[in-house]
Amino acid sequence: MQANLRSLAAKDIDAAVAYYRNEAGQQTALDLVDALEAAINHIRQHPLTGSLRFAYELEIPELRSWPLRKFPYLIFYMPDDDRIDIWRVLHARRDIPAHLTADQTS
């Protein structure tokens, strides 16, 4: 199954990688990239395993989230028949509802 990364998700990832590179070093930034790749691969293989918590909270049907291993980030995505639409990659302590509802069309 193909994964489609929305522009906001790409910006989220770029910002997170830059933060870890600046604050914790190149290896930690690379570890984050590895964790992202592993999480996206999991989602591609098992698209319905993500939590529906925010789908109910925000009334966005089928919006799912999946955590990164060893990093406090959540991948927000919508599964479709032939692809995964990745909306955002947000730090778990952010105001997630505000970030997700700010721009659902990007």
PDB file of N, CA and C in Angstrom:
ATOM      1  N   MET A   1       0.847  -1.180   0.000  1.00  0.00           N
ATOM      2  CA  MET A   1       0.000   0.000   0.000  1.00  0.00           C
ATOM      3  C   MET A   1       0.894   1.245   0.000  1.00  0.00           C
ATOM      4  N   GLN A   2       0.527   2.209  -0.796  1.00  0.00           N
ATOM      5  CA  GLN A   2       1.294   3.441  -0.936  1.00  0.00           C
ATOM      6  C   GLN A   2       0.951   4.422   0.181  1.00  0.00           C
ATOM      7  N   ALA A   3       1.940   5.212   0.616  1.00  0.00           N
ATOM      8  CA  ALA A   3       1.716   6.256   1.605  1.00  0.00           C
ATOM      9  C   ALA A   3       1.875   7.612   0.940  1.00  0.00           C
ATOM     10  N   ASN A   4       0.876   8.469   1.113  1.00  0.00           N
ATOM     11  CA  ASN A   4       0.890   9.823   0.571  1.00  0.00           C
ATOM     12  C   ASN A   4       1.130  10.790   1.723  1.00  0.00           C
ATOM     13  N   LEU A   5       2.212  11.556   1.643  1.00  0.00           N
ATOM     14  CA  LEU A   5       2.581  12.509   2.680  1.00  0.00           C
ATOM     15  C   LEU A   5       2.073  13.893   2.290  1.00  0.00           C
ATOM     16  N   ARG A   6       1.120  14.427   3.045  1.00  0.00           N
ATOM     17  CA  ARG A   6       0.635  15.788   2.780  1.00  0.00           C
ATOM     18  C   ARG A   6       1.733  16.800   3.097  1.00  0.00           C
ATOM     19  N   SER A   7       1.607  17.994   2.545  1.00  0.00           N
ATOM     20  CA  SER A   7       2.645  19.014   2.723  1.00  0.00           C
ATOM     21  C   SER A   7       2.846  19.380   4.196  1.00  0.00           C
ATOM     22  N   LEU A   8       1.772  19.444   4.982  1.00  0.00           N
ATOM     23  CA  LEU A   8       1.930  19.762   6.404  1.00  0.00           C
ATOM     24  C   LEU A   8       2.674  18.656   7.145  1.00  0.00           C
ATOM     25  N   ALA A   9       2.435  17.424   6.774  1.00  0.00           N
ATOM     26  CA  ALA A   9       3.158  16.310   7.397  1.00  0.00           C
ATOM     27  C   ALA A   9       4.645  16.390   7.055  1.00  0.00           C
ATOM     28  N   ALA A  10       4.964  16.719   5.813  1.00  0.00           N
ATOM     29  CA  ALA A  10       6.371  16.864   5.412  1.00  0.00           C
ATOM     30  C   ALA A  10       7.041  17.992   6.195  1.00  0.00           C
ATOM     31  N   LYS A  11       6.326  19.088   6.381  1.00  0.00           N
ATOM     32  CA  LYS A  11       6.873  20.209   7.173  1.00  0.00           C
ATOM     33  C   LYS A  11       7.059  19.799   8.629  1.00  0.00           C
ATOM     34  N   ASP A  12       6.101  19.044   9.172  1.00  0.00           N
ATOM     35  CA  ASP A  12       6.223  18.559  10.553  1.00  0.00           C
ATOM     36  C   ASP A  12       7.482  17.714  10.709  1.00  0.00           C
ATOM     37  N   ILE A  13       7.708  16.828   9.755  1.00  0.00           N
ATOM     38  CA  ILE A  13       8.869  15.935   9.814  1.00  0.00           C
ATOM     39  C   ILE A  13      10.160  16.739   9.696  1.00  0.00           C
ATOM     40  N   ASP A  14      10.206  17.663   8.758  1.00  0.00           N
ATOM     41  CA  ASP A  14      11.404  18.496   8.595  1.00  0.00           C
ATOM     42  C   ASP A  14      11.726  19.257   9.874  1.00  0.00           C
ATOM     43  N   ALA A  15      10.707  19.816  10.506  1.00  0.00           N
ATOM     44  CA  ALA A  15      10.912  20.577  11.745  1.00  0.00           C
ATOM     45  C   ALA A  15      11.396  19.676  12.877  1.00  0.00           C
ATOM     46  N   ALA A  16      10.826  18.492  12.996  1.00  0.00           N
ATOM     47  CA  ALA A  16      11.238  17.566  14.058  1.00  0.00           C
ATOM     48  C   ALA A  16      12.672  17.103  13.854  1.00  0.00           C
ATOM     49  N   VAL A  17      13.030  16.765  12.620  1.00  0.00           N
ATOM     50  CA  VAL A  17      14.397  16.312  12.332  1.00  0.00           C
ATOM     51  C   VAL A  17      15.389  17.446  12.610  1.00  0.00           C
ATOM     52  N   ALA A  18      15.070  18.664  12.187  1.00  0.00           N
ATOM     53  CA  ALA A  18      15.953  19.808  12.443  1.00  0.00           C
ATOM     54  C   ALA A  18      16.115  20.049  13.941  1.00  0.00           C
ATOM     55  N   TYR A  19      15.020  19.951  14.683  1.00  0.00           N
ATOM     56  CA  TYR A  19      15.088  20.144  16.133  1.00  0.00           C
ATOM     57  C   TYR A  19      16.035  19.123  16.771  1.00  0.00           C
ATOM     58  N   TYR A  20      15.849  17.862  16.465  1.00  0.00           N
ATOM     59  CA  TYR A  20      16.702  16.836  17.076  1.00  0.00           C
ATOM     60  C   TYR A  20      18.151  16.958  16.622  1.00  0.00           C
ATOM     61  N   ARG A  21      18.365  17.322  15.373  1.00  0.00           N
ATOM     62  CA  ARG A  21      19.734  17.503  14.893  1.00  0.00           C
ATOM     63  C   ARG A  21      20.415  18.635  15.663  1.00  0.00           C
ATOM     64  N   ASN A  22      19.705  19.745  15.877  1.00  0.00           N
ATOM     65  CA  ASN A  22      20.279  20.899  16.582  1.00  0.00           C
ATOM     66  C   ASN A  22      20.421  20.673  18.082  1.00  0.00           C
ATOM     67  N   GLU A  23      19.459  19.979  18.668  1.00  0.00           N
ATOM     68  CA  GLU A  23      19.443  19.823  20.127  1.00  0.00           C
ATOM     69  C   GLU A  23      20.126  18.558  20.626  1.00  0.00           C
ATOM     70  N   ALA A  24      20.120  17.497  19.839  1.00  0.00           N
ATOM     71  CA  ALA A  24      20.631  16.211  20.333  1.00  0.00           C
ATOM     72  C   ALA A  24      21.680  15.582  19.425  1.00  0.00           C
ATOM     73  N   GLY A  25      21.891  16.159  18.255  1.00  0.00           N
ATOM     74  CA  GLY A  25      22.931  15.641  17.379  1.00  0.00           C
ATOM     75  C   GLY A  25      22.396  14.866  16.187  1.00  0.00           C
ATOM     76  N   GLN A  26      23.298  14.655  15.244  1.00  0.00           N
ATOM     77  CA  GLN A  26      22.951  14.003  13.984  1.00  0.00           C
ATOM     78  C   GLN A  26      22.409  12.585  14.184  1.00  0.00           C
ATOM     79  N   GLN A  27      23.018  11.814  15.091  1.00  0.00           N
ATOM     80  CA  GLN A  27      22.576  10.429  15.268  1.00  0.00           C
ATOM     81  C   GLN A  27      21.139  10.352  15.789  1.00  0.00           C
ATOM     82  N   THR A  28      20.782  11.241  16.702  1.00  0.00           N
ATOM     83  CA  THR A  28      19.408  11.241  17.218  1.00  0.00           C
ATOM     84  C   THR A  28      18.423  11.619  16.116  1.00  0.00           C
ATOM     85  N   ALA A  29      18.804  12.567  15.266  1.00  0.00           N
ATOM     86  CA  ALA A  29      17.949  12.932  14.138  1.00  0.00           C
ATOM     87  C   ALA A  29      17.772  11.740  13.197  1.00  0.00           C
ATOM     88  N   LEU A  30      18.845  10.999  12.954  1.00  0.00           N
ATOM     89  CA  LEU A  30      18.752   9.806  12.119  1.00  0.00           C
ATOM     90  C   LEU A  30      17.896   8.730  12.781  1.00  0.00           C
ATOM     91  N   ASP A  31      17.987   8.614  14.098  1.00  0.00           N
ATOM     92  CA  ASP A  31      17.136   7.667  14.823  1.00  0.00           C
ATOM     93  C   ASP A  31      15.655   8.034  14.670  1.00  0.00           C
ATOM     94  N   LEU A  32      15.360   9.329  14.676  1.00  0.00           N
ATOM     95  CA  LEU A  32      13.988   9.780  14.464  1.00  0.00           C
ATOM     96  C   LEU A  32      13.514   9.381  13.068  1.00  0.00           C
ATOM     97  N   VAL A  33      14.343   9.595  12.059  1.00  0.00           N
ATOM     98  CA  VAL A  33      13.984   9.211  10.692  1.00  0.00           C
ATOM     99  C   VAL A  33      13.720   7.709  10.616  1.00  0.00           C
ATOM    100  N   ASP A  34      14.567   6.914  11.271  1.00  0.00           N
ATOM    101  CA  ASP A  34      14.357   5.462  11.297  1.00  0.00           C
ATOM    102  C   ASP A  34      13.030   5.107  11.958  1.00  0.00           C
ATOM    103  N   ALA A  35      12.702   5.781  13.066  1.00  0.00           N
ATOM    104  CA  ALA A  35      11.442   5.522  13.769  1.00  0.00           C
ATOM    105  C   ALA A  35      10.250   5.902  12.889  1.00  0.00           C
ATOM    106  N   LEU A  36      10.370   7.003  12.160  1.00  0.00           N
ATOM    107  CA  LEU A  36       9.306   7.408  11.236  1.00  0.00           C
ATOM    108  C   LEU A  36       9.111   6.372  10.137  1.00  0.00           C
ATOM    109  N   GLU A  37      10.207   5.924   9.552  1.00  0.00           N
ATOM    110  CA  GLU A  37      10.118   4.920   8.491  1.00  0.00           C
ATOM    111  C   GLU A  37       9.491   3.628   9.001  1.00  0.00           C
ATOM    112  N   ALA A  38       9.875   3.206  10.200  1.00  0.00           N
ATOM    113  CA  ALA A  38       9.310   1.981  10.766  1.00  0.00           C
ATOM    114  C   ALA A  38       7.812   2.142  11.024  1.00  0.00           C
ATOM    115  N   ALA A  39       7.417   3.297  11.552  1.00  0.00           N
ATOM    116  CA  ALA A  39       5.996   3.534  11.831  1.00  0.00           C
ATOM    117  C   ALA A  39       5.188   3.585  10.539  1.00  0.00           C
ATOM    118  N   ILE A  40       5.702   4.252   9.524  1.00  0.00           N
ATOM    119  CA  ILE A  40       4.988   4.334   8.250  1.00  0.00           C
ATOM    120  C   ILE A  40       4.888   2.954   7.603  1.00  0.00           C
ATOM    121  N   ASN A  41       5.943   2.170   7.693  1.00  0.00           N
ATOM    122  CA  ASN A  41       5.884   0.799   7.160  1.00  0.00           C
ATOM    123  C   ASN A  41       4.830  -0.026   7.888  1.00  0.00           C
ATOM    124  N   HIS A  42       4.753   0.137   9.218  1.00  0.00           N
ATOM    125  CA  HIS A  42       3.728  -0.569   9.980  1.00  0.00           C
ATOM    126  C   HIS A  42       2.329  -0.158   9.509  1.00  0.00           C
ATOM    127  N   ILE A  43       2.126   1.143   9.362  1.00  0.00           N
ATOM    128  CA  ILE A  43       0.827   1.655   8.939  1.00  0.00           C
ATOM    129  C   ILE A  43       0.470   1.142   7.544  1.00  0.00           C
ATOM    130  N   ARG A  44       1.448   1.093   6.663  1.00  0.00           N
ATOM    131  CA  ARG A  44       1.198   0.595   5.305  1.00  0.00           C
ATOM    132  C   ARG A  44       0.769  -0.874   5.324  1.00  0.00           C
ATOM    133  N   GLN A  45       1.350  -1.655   6.221  1.00  0.00           N
ATOM    134  CA  GLN A  45       1.021  -3.081   6.299  1.00  0.00           C
ATOM    135  C   GLN A  45      -0.252  -3.354   7.098  1.00  0.00           C
ATOM    136  N   HIS A  46      -0.515  -2.498   8.086  1.00  0.00           N
ATOM    137  CA  HIS A  46      -1.659  -2.696   8.988  1.00  0.00           C
ATOM    138  C   HIS A  46      -2.401  -1.365   9.167  1.00  0.00           C
ATOM    139  N   PRO A  47      -3.060  -0.871   8.143  1.00  0.00           N
ATOM    140  CA  PRO A  47      -3.628   0.476   8.194  1.00  0.00           C
ATOM    141  C   PRO A  47      -4.731   0.694   9.220  1.00  0.00           C
ATOM    142  N   LEU A  48      -5.368  -0.351   9.682  1.00  0.00           N
ATOM    143  CA  LEU A  48      -6.481  -0.172  10.620  1.00  0.00           C
ATOM    144  C   LEU A  48      -6.076  -0.307  12.074  1.00  0.00           C
ATOM    145  N   THR A  49      -4.777  -0.411  12.350  1.00  0.00           N
ATOM    146  CA  THR A  49      -4.345  -0.587  13.738  1.00  0.00           C
ATOM    147  C   THR A  49      -4.233   0.719  14.520  1.00  0.00           C
ATOM    148  N   GLY A  50      -4.231   1.840  13.839  1.00  0.00           N
ATOM    149  CA  GLY A  50      -4.099   3.118  14.536  1.00  0.00           C
ATOM    150  C   GLY A  50      -5.316   3.450  15.381  1.00  0.00           C
ATOM    151  N   SER A  51      -5.087   4.267  16.391  1.00  0.00           N
ATOM    152  CA  SER A  51      -6.150   4.680  17.301  1.00  0.00           C
ATOM    153  C   SER A  51      -7.133   5.628  16.616  1.00  0.00           C
ATOM    154  N   LEU A  52      -8.412   5.466  16.947  1.00  0.00           N
ATOM    155  CA  LEU A  52      -9.470   6.345  16.440  1.00  0.00           C
ATOM    156  C   LEU A  52      -9.835   7.444  17.438  1.00  0.00           C
ATOM    157  N   ARG A  53      -9.066   7.602  18.480  1.00  0.00           N
ATOM    158  CA  ARG A  53      -9.397   8.569  19.541  1.00  0.00           C
ATOM    159  C   ARG A  53      -9.715   9.952  18.982  1.00  0.00           C
ATOM    160  N   PHE A  54      -8.837  10.483  18.142  1.00  0.00           N
ATOM    161  CA  PHE A  54      -9.054  11.830  17.631  1.00  0.00           C
ATOM    162  C   PHE A  54     -10.149  11.879  16.569  1.00  0.00           C
ATOM    163  N   ALA A  55     -10.432  10.766  15.918  1.00  0.00           N
ATOM    164  CA  ALA A  55     -11.552  10.717  14.975  1.00  0.00           C
ATOM    165  C   ALA A  55     -12.853  11.001  15.710  1.00  0.00           C
ATOM    166  N   TYR A  56     -12.999  10.421  16.882  1.00  0.00           N
ATOM    167  CA  TYR A  56     -14.197  10.646  17.685  1.00  0.00           C
ATOM    168  C   TYR A  56     -14.199  12.046  18.278  1.00  0.00           C
ATOM    169  N   GLU A  57     -13.042  12.458  18.806  1.00  0.00           N
ATOM    170  CA  GLU A  57     -12.946  13.756  19.466  1.00  0.00           C
ATOM    171  C   GLU A  57     -13.181  14.915  18.496  1.00  0.00           C
ATOM    172  N   LEU A  58     -12.671  14.789  17.275  1.00  0.00           N
ATOM    173  CA  LEU A  58     -12.750  15.874  16.297  1.00  0.00           C
ATOM    174  C   LEU A  58     -13.832  15.668  15.246  1.00  0.00           C
ATOM    175  N   GLU A  59     -14.522  14.546  15.338  1.00  0.00           N
ATOM    176  CA  GLU A  59     -15.560  14.192  14.370  1.00  0.00           C
ATOM    177  C   GLU A  59     -15.012  14.191  12.935  1.00  0.00           C
ATOM    178  N   ILE A  60     -13.841  13.551  12.785  1.00  0.00           N
ATOM    179  CA  ILE A  60     -13.233  13.342  11.476  1.00  0.00           C
ATOM    180  C   ILE A  60     -13.206  11.824  11.271  1.00  0.00           C
ATOM    181  N   PRO A  61     -14.205  11.282  10.608  1.00  0.00           N
ATOM    182  CA  PRO A  61     -14.301   9.822  10.464  1.00  0.00           C
ATOM    183  C   PRO A  61     -13.027   9.200   9.882  1.00  0.00           C
ATOM    184  N   GLU A  62     -12.627   8.109  10.483  1.00  0.00           N
ATOM    185  CA  GLU A  62     -11.485   7.297  10.039  1.00  0.00           C
ATOM    186  C   GLU A  62     -10.110   7.916  10.266  1.00  0.00           C
ATOM    187  N   LEU A  63     -10.027   9.088  10.898  1.00  0.00           N
ATOM    188  CA  LEU A  63      -8.713   9.649  11.226  1.00  0.00           C
ATOM    189  C   LEU A  63      -8.074   8.760  12.290  1.00  0.00           C
ATOM    190  N   ARG A  64      -6.891   8.291  12.015  1.00  0.00           N
ATOM    191  CA  ARG A  64      -6.192   7.395  12.929  1.00  0.00           C
ATOM    192  C   ARG A  64      -4.842   7.989  13.319  1.00  0.00           C
ATOM    193  N   SER A  65      -4.330   7.520  14.447  1.00  0.00           N
ATOM    194  CA  SER A  65      -3.000   7.954  14.875  1.00  0.00           C
ATOM    195  C   SER A  65      -2.181   6.735  15.279  1.00  0.00           C
ATOM    196  N   TRP A  66      -0.881   6.846  15.058  1.00  0.00           N
ATOM    197  CA  TRP A  66       0.040   5.784  15.404  1.00  0.00           C
ATOM    198  C   TRP A  66       1.288   6.414  16.011  1.00  0.00           C
ATOM    199  N   PRO A  67       1.746   5.926  17.177  1.00  0.00           N
ATOM    200  CA  PRO A  67       2.912   6.539  17.843  1.00  0.00           C
ATOM    201  C   PRO A  67       4.234   6.068  17.247  1.00  0.00           C
ATOM    202  N   LEU A  68       5.215   6.933  17.344  1.00  0.00           N
ATOM    203  CA  LEU A  68       6.582   6.558  16.983  1.00  0.00           C
ATOM    204  C   LEU A  68       7.217   5.871  18.179  1.00  0.00           C
ATOM    205  N   ARG A  69       8.057   4.919  17.901  1.00  0.00           N
ATOM    206  CA  ARG A  69       8.774   4.223  18.955  1.00  0.00           C
ATOM    207  C   ARG A  69       9.948   5.087  19.402  1.00  0.00           C
ATOM    208  N   LYS A  70      10.063   5.303  20.704  1.00  0.00           N
ATOM    209  CA  LYS A  70      11.166   6.035  21.342  1.00  0.00           C
ATOM    210  C   LYS A  70      11.131   7.543  21.129  1.00  0.00           C
ATOM    211  N   PHE A  71      10.132   8.075  20.448  1.00  0.00           N
ATOM    212  CA  PHE A  71      10.006   9.518  20.251  1.00  0.00           C
ATOM    213  C   PHE A  71       8.559   9.911  20.528  1.00  0.00           C
ATOM    214  N   PRO A  72       8.350  11.112  21.107  1.00  0.00           N
ATOM    215  CA  PRO A  72       6.990  11.516  21.509  1.00  0.00           C
ATOM    216  C   PRO A  72       6.175  12.135  20.368  1.00  0.00           C
ATOM    217  N   TYR A  73       6.071  11.420  19.263  1.00  0.00           N
ATOM    218  CA  TYR A  73       5.338  11.913  18.105  1.00  0.00           C
ATOM    219  C   TYR A  73       4.248  10.924  17.701  1.00  0.00           C
ATOM    220  N   LEU A  74       3.195  11.473  17.106  1.00  0.00           N
ATOM    221  CA  LEU A  74       2.097  10.676  16.578  1.00  0.00           C
ATOM    222  C   LEU A  74       1.943  10.975  15.089  1.00  0.00           C
ATOM    223  N   ILE A  75       1.750   9.929  14.315  1.00  0.00           N
ATOM    224  CA  ILE A  75       1.446  10.078  12.893  1.00  0.00           C
ATOM    225  C   ILE A  75      -0.070  10.033  12.761  1.00  0.00           C
ATOM    226  N   PHE A  76      -0.639  11.063  12.133  1.00  0.00           N
ATOM    227  CA  PHE A  76      -2.077  11.117  11.895  1.00  0.00           C
ATOM    228  C   PHE A  76      -2.329  10.822  10.431  1.00  0.00           C
ATOM    229  N   TYR A  77      -3.211   9.868  10.184  1.00  0.00           N
ATOM    230  CA  TYR A  77      -3.427   9.410   8.817  1.00  0.00           C
ATOM    231  C   TYR A  77      -4.854   8.931   8.616  1.00  0.00           C
ATOM    232  N   MET A  78      -5.201   8.830   7.324  1.00  0.00           N
ATOM    233  CA  MET A  78      -6.494   8.292   6.913  1.00  0.00           C
ATOM    234  C   MET A  78      -6.222   7.135   5.961  1.00  0.00           C
ATOM    235  N   PRO A  79      -6.692   5.940   6.298  1.00  0.00           N
ATOM    236  CA  PRO A  79      -6.529   4.824   5.374  1.00  0.00           C
ATOM    237  C   PRO A  79      -7.572   4.890   4.260  1.00  0.00           C
ATOM    238  N   ASP A  80      -7.153   4.500   3.082  1.00  0.00           N
ATOM    239  CA  ASP A  80      -8.052   4.420   1.932  1.00  0.00           C
ATOM    240  C   ASP A  80      -7.881   3.023   1.347  1.00  0.00           C
ATOM    241  N   ASP A  81      -8.593   2.715   0.315  1.00  0.00           N
ATOM    242  CA  ASP A  81      -8.523   1.378  -0.274  1.00  0.00           C
ATOM    243  C   ASP A  81      -7.129   1.017  -0.766  1.00  0.00           C
ATOM    244  N   ASP A  82      -6.435   1.967  -1.381  1.00  0.00           N
ATOM    245  CA  ASP A  82      -5.147   1.655  -1.990  1.00  0.00           C
ATOM    246  C   ASP A  82      -3.987   2.511  -1.502  1.00  0.00           C
ATOM    247  N   ARG A  83      -4.245   3.383  -0.527  1.00  0.00           N
ATOM    248  CA  ARG A  83      -3.160   4.233  -0.024  1.00  0.00           C
ATOM    249  C   ARG A  83      -3.447   4.713   1.392  1.00  0.00           C
ATOM    250  N   ILE A  84      -2.404   5.246   2.002  1.00  0.00           N
ATOM    251  CA  ILE A  84      -2.490   5.867   3.317  1.00  0.00           C
ATOM    252  C   ILE A  84      -2.224   7.351   3.123  1.00  0.00           C
ATOM    253  N   ASP A  85      -3.127   8.190   3.580  1.00  0.00           N
ATOM    254  CA  ASP A  85      -2.984   9.640   3.465  1.00  0.00           C
ATOM    255  C   ASP A  85      -2.486  10.169   4.811  1.00  0.00           C
ATOM    256  N   ILE A  86      -1.214  10.533   4.885  1.00  0.00           N
ATOM    257  CA  ILE A  86      -0.630  11.003   6.142  1.00  0.00           C
ATOM    258  C   ILE A  86      -0.852  12.508   6.242  1.00  0.00           C
ATOM    259  N   TRP A  87      -1.655  12.903   7.238  1.00  0.00           N
ATOM    260  CA  TRP A  87      -2.049  14.301   7.408  1.00  0.00           C
ATOM    261  C   TRP A  87      -0.981  15.096   8.142  1.00  0.00           C
ATOM    262  N   ARG A  88      -0.567  14.596   9.305  1.00  0.00           N
ATOM    263  CA  ARG A  88       0.364  15.349  10.164  1.00  0.00           C
ATOM    264  C   ARG A  88       1.237  14.369  10.932  1.00  0.00           C
ATOM    265  N   VAL A  89       2.364  14.890  11.438  1.00  0.00           N
ATOM    266  CA  VAL A  89       3.230  14.176  12.373  1.00  0.00           C
ATOM    267  C   VAL A  89       3.483  15.181  13.496  1.00  0.00           C
ATOM    268  N   LEU A  90       2.775  14.991  14.613  1.00  0.00           N
ATOM    269  CA  LEU A  90       2.770  15.991  15.681  1.00  0.00           C
ATOM    270  C   LEU A  90       3.348  15.444  16.985  1.00  0.00           C
ATOM    271  N   HIS A  91       4.001  16.346  17.716  1.00  0.00           N
ATOM    272  CA  HIS A  91       4.483  16.014  19.051  1.00  0.00           C
ATOM    273  C   HIS A  91       3.269  15.716  19.921  1.00  0.00           C
ATOM    274  N   ALA A  92       3.354  14.678  20.719  1.00  0.00           N
ATOM    275  CA  ALA A  92       2.210  14.219  21.511  1.00  0.00           C
ATOM    276  C   ALA A  92       1.745  15.232  22.554  1.00  0.00           C
ATOM    277  N   ARG A  93       2.588  16.183  22.909  1.00  0.00           N
ATOM    278  CA  ARG A  93       2.205  17.168  23.926  1.00  0.00           C
ATOM    279  C   ARG A  93       1.679  18.478  23.339  1.00  0.00           C
ATOM    280  N   ARG A  94       1.577  18.551  22.040  1.00  0.00           N
ATOM    281  CA  ARG A  94       0.991  19.733  21.407  1.00  0.00           C
ATOM    282  C   ARG A  94      -0.517  19.719  21.580  1.00  0.00           C
ATOM    283  N   ASP A  95      -1.126  20.847  21.261  1.00  0.00           N
ATOM    284  CA  ASP A  95      -2.583  20.916  21.234  1.00  0.00           C
ATOM    285  C   ASP A  95      -3.018  20.269  19.922  1.00  0.00           C
ATOM    286  N   ILE A  96      -3.125  18.976  19.938  1.00  0.00           N
ATOM    287  CA  ILE A  96      -3.365  18.211  18.722  1.00  0.00           C
ATOM    288  C   ILE A  96      -4.680  18.604  18.047  1.00  0.00           C
ATOM    289  N   PRO A  97      -5.795  18.723  18.770  1.00  0.00           N
ATOM    290  CA  PRO A  97      -7.027  19.127  18.076  1.00  0.00           C
ATOM    291  C   PRO A  97      -6.878  20.455  17.335  1.00  0.00           C
ATOM    292  N   ALA A  98      -6.194  21.421  17.922  1.00  0.00           N
ATOM    293  CA  ALA A  98      -6.011  22.718  17.251  1.00  0.00           C
ATOM    294  C   ALA A  98      -5.192  22.574  15.980  1.00  0.00           C
ATOM    295  N   HIS A  99      -4.135  21.764  16.023  1.00  0.00           N
ATOM    296  CA  HIS A  99      -3.288  21.579  14.845  1.00  0.00           C
ATOM    297  C   HIS A  99      -4.007  20.793  13.743  1.00  0.00           C
ATOM    298  N   LEU A 100      -4.798  19.843  14.111  1.00  0.00           N
ATOM    299  CA  LEU A 100      -5.474  19.026  13.104  1.00  0.00           C
ATOM    300  C   LEU A 100      -6.650  19.741  12.448  1.00  0.00           C
ATOM    301  N   THR A 101      -7.317  20.581  13.179  1.00  0.00           N
ATOM    302  CA  THR A 101      -8.477  21.270  12.606  1.00  0.00           C
ATOM    303  C   THR A 101      -8.107  22.572  11.922  1.00  0.00           C
ATOM    304  N   ALA A 102      -6.890  23.067  12.136  1.00  0.00           N
ATOM    305  CA  ALA A 102      -6.473  24.348  11.548  1.00  0.00           C
ATOM    306  C   ALA A 102      -6.484  24.297  10.032  1.00  0.00           C
ATOM    307  N   ASP A 103      -6.016  23.157   9.473  1.00  0.00           N
ATOM    308  CA  ASP A 103      -5.965  23.059   8.016  1.00  0.00           C
ATOM    309  C   ASP A 103      -6.094  21.608   7.608  1.00  0.00           C
ATOM    310  N   GLN A 104      -7.300  21.176   7.355  1.00  0.00           N
ATOM    311  CA  GLN A 104      -7.544  19.789   6.975  1.00  0.00           C
ATOM    312  C   GLN A 104      -7.396  19.557   5.483  1.00  0.00           C
ATOM    313  N   THR A 105      -7.117  20.592   4.701  1.00  0.00           N
ATOM    314  CA  THR A 105      -7.087  20.438   3.265  1.00  0.00           C
ATOM    315  C   THR A 105      -5.692  20.404   2.663  1.00  0.00           C
ATOM    316  N   SER A 106      -4.665  20.564   3.447  1.00  0.00           N
ATOM    317  CA  SER A 106      -3.302  20.587   2.876  1.00  0.00           C
ATOM    318  C   SER A 106      -2.831  19.231   2.460  1.00  0.00           C
TER     319      SER A 106
END
